[in-house]
Amino acid sequence: MRELIALRILVHWRLATLNVSKEITNRLTAANRSYFGPKSQLKSHLLSRKTEILIYKTLVRPVLTHAAETWTTTKNAERSLSIFERKTLRRMYGAICELGQWRKRYNRELEESMSNVQQDATIHSLFYL
């Protein structure tokens, strides 16, 4: 009888984990659409970097993190969310020219650039609620 109960708990936990990973995948897809949908407007040089960050914080991040407090996150889920955030930040902040060579920003540089953004709303803080 105990084995049956343990098996049911294990199956229930596994199904819950699969549902959360599906939810995270759906959230990533929706966030991609909300950021890359109006790509031509966001690429405009008329928008300042502050405005782009404001758009990211008010439109994209809420779509991505909707109901995140209820997720049981795994390392893979955390990595997927971090990858999405870095991808969009690289697009907003652009490349760096060093000695006449253009290169992508390093993760460390993105973190430094975003240090002025409100820290309590970052994706990383969701994992410690």
Protein backbone atom coordinates (compact mmCIF):
# COMPACT_ATOMS: atom_id res chain seq x y z
CA MET A 1 0.00 0.00 0.00
CA ARG A 2 2.83 2.43 0.85
CA GLU A 3 4.50 1.71 -2.47
CA LEU A 4 1.27 2.55 -4.29
CA ILE A 5 0.96 5.86 -2.45
CA ALA A 6 4.61 6.70 -3.14
CA LEU A 7 4.11 5.85 -6.83
CA ARG A 8 1.02 8.10 -7.03
CA ILE A 9 2.93 10.96 -5.42
CA LEU A 10 5.81 10.47 -7.84
CA VAL A 11 3.49 10.40 -10.87
CA HIS A 12 1.65 13.50 -9.64
CA TRP A 13 4.94 15.37 -9.09
CA ARG A 14 6.20 14.37 -12.56
CA LEU A 15 2.98 15.55 -14.25
CA ALA A 16 3.15 18.84 -12.35
CA THR A 17 6.76 19.32 -13.52
CA LEU A 18 5.77 18.65 -17.14
CA ASN A 19 2.89 21.11 -16.89
CA VAL A 20 5.21 23.79 -15.52
CA SER A 21 7.74 23.23 -18.31
CA LYS A 22 4.91 23.50 -20.86
CA GLU A 23 3.76 26.71 -19.19
CA ILE A 24 7.28 28.16 -19.29
CA THR A 25 7.58 27.24 -22.97
CA ASN A 26 4.24 28.94 -23.67
CA ARG A 27 5.35 32.02 -21.72
CA LEU A 28 8.62 32.19 -23.66
CA THR A 29 6.73 31.96 -26.94
CA ALA A 30 4.32 34.71 -25.89
CA ALA A 31 7.18 36.93 -24.70
CA ASN A 32 9.02 36.39 -28.00
CA ARG A 33 5.90 37.47 -29.88
CA SER A 34 5.40 40.51 -27.67
CA TYR A 35 9.01 41.66 -28.12
CA PHE A 36 9.77 40.67 -31.70
CA GLY A 37 6.27 41.41 -33.04
CA PRO A 38 6.70 45.19 -33.27
CA LYS A 39 10.32 44.76 -34.38
CA SER A 40 10.28 47.57 -36.91
CA GLN A 41 9.09 50.08 -34.31
CA LEU A 42 11.63 48.88 -31.75
CA LYS A 43 14.48 49.11 -34.27
CA SER A 44 13.69 52.76 -34.91
CA HIS A 45 16.51 55.12 -34.03
CA LEU A 46 13.88 57.56 -32.78
CA LEU A 47 13.47 55.43 -29.63
CA SER A 48 15.98 55.98 -26.89
CA ARG A 49 17.50 53.09 -24.99
CA LYS A 50 15.52 54.15 -21.90
CA THR A 51 12.30 53.89 -23.87
CA GLU A 52 13.23 50.43 -25.14
CA ILE A 53 13.97 49.28 -21.60
CA LEU A 54 10.68 50.76 -20.42
CA ILE A 55 8.84 48.86 -23.18
CA TYR A 56 10.67 45.68 -22.17
CA LYS A 57 9.82 46.14 -18.49
CA THR A 58 6.16 47.04 -19.04
CA LEU A 59 5.17 44.86 -22.00
CA VAL A 60 7.50 41.91 -22.39
CA ARG A 61 8.55 41.00 -18.86
CA PRO A 62 4.97 40.81 -17.47
CA VAL A 63 4.01 38.48 -20.33
CA LEU A 64 7.00 36.29 -19.53
CA THR A 65 6.54 36.21 -15.77
CA HIS A 66 2.75 35.97 -15.56
CA ALA A 67 1.89 33.55 -12.70
CA ALA A 68 5.58 32.78 -12.16
CA GLU A 69 5.06 32.69 -8.40
CA THR A 70 3.24 29.37 -8.82
CA TRP A 71 5.94 27.67 -10.89
CA THR A 72 8.19 25.04 -9.39
CA THR A 73 11.31 26.03 -11.25
CA THR A 74 14.13 23.79 -12.29
CA LYS A 75 17.63 24.68 -13.43
CA ASN A 76 16.54 24.17 -17.05
CA ALA A 77 13.60 26.54 -16.63
CA GLU A 78 15.79 29.14 -14.96
CA ARG A 79 18.36 28.80 -17.74
CA SER A 80 15.70 29.18 -20.46
CA LEU A 81 14.33 32.35 -18.86
CA SER A 82 17.81 33.79 -18.42
CA ILE A 83 18.70 33.04 -22.03
CA PHE A 84 15.59 34.86 -23.23
CA GLU A 85 16.35 37.87 -21.04
CA ARG A 86 19.96 38.08 -22.24
CA LYS A 87 18.86 37.71 -25.88
CA THR A 88 16.47 40.64 -25.64
CA LEU A 89 18.96 42.76 -23.68
CA ARG A 90 21.67 42.15 -26.28
CA ARG A 91 19.26 43.32 -28.93
CA MET A 92 18.42 46.48 -26.97
CA TYR A 93 21.95 47.40 -25.91
CA GLY A 94 23.62 46.45 -29.19
CA ALA A 95 27.20 45.49 -29.97
CA ILE A 96 30.40 47.10 -28.75
CA CYS A 97 33.22 48.34 -30.96
CA GLU A 98 36.65 47.50 -29.55
CA LEU A 99 39.72 48.46 -31.55
CA GLY A 100 37.70 48.66 -34.75
CA GLN A 101 36.11 45.20 -34.21
CA TRP A 102 32.44 44.77 -33.37
CA ARG A 103 31.50 42.11 -30.84
CA LYS A 104 28.48 41.01 -28.81
CA ARG A 105 28.21 42.12 -25.24
CA TYR A 106 29.29 39.64 -22.61
CA ASN A 107 26.82 38.46 -19.98
CA ARG A 108 28.75 40.38 -17.33
CA GLU A 109 28.37 43.60 -19.34
CA LEU A 110 24.63 43.04 -19.72
CA GLU A 111 24.28 42.56 -15.97
CA GLU A 112 26.21 45.77 -15.36
CA SER A 113 24.06 47.64 -17.87
CA MET A 114 20.89 46.43 -16.22
CA SER A 115 22.07 47.18 -12.68
CA ASN A 116 20.19 50.48 -12.81
CA VAL A 117 16.94 48.69 -13.67
CA GLN A 118 14.65 47.87 -10.79
CA GLN A 119 16.15 44.72 -9.24
CA ASP A 120 13.06 43.42 -7.47
CA ALA A 121 11.35 42.80 -10.81
CA THR A 122 14.11 40.83 -12.47
CA ILE A 123 13.53 37.29 -13.58
CA HIS A 124 16.19 36.04 -11.19
CA SER A 125 14.31 37.34 -8.17
CA LEU A 126 11.31 35.21 -9.11
CA PHE A 127 13.19 32.08 -8.15
CA TYR A 128 13.60 33.28 -4.57
CA LEU A 129 10.00 34.23 -3.74
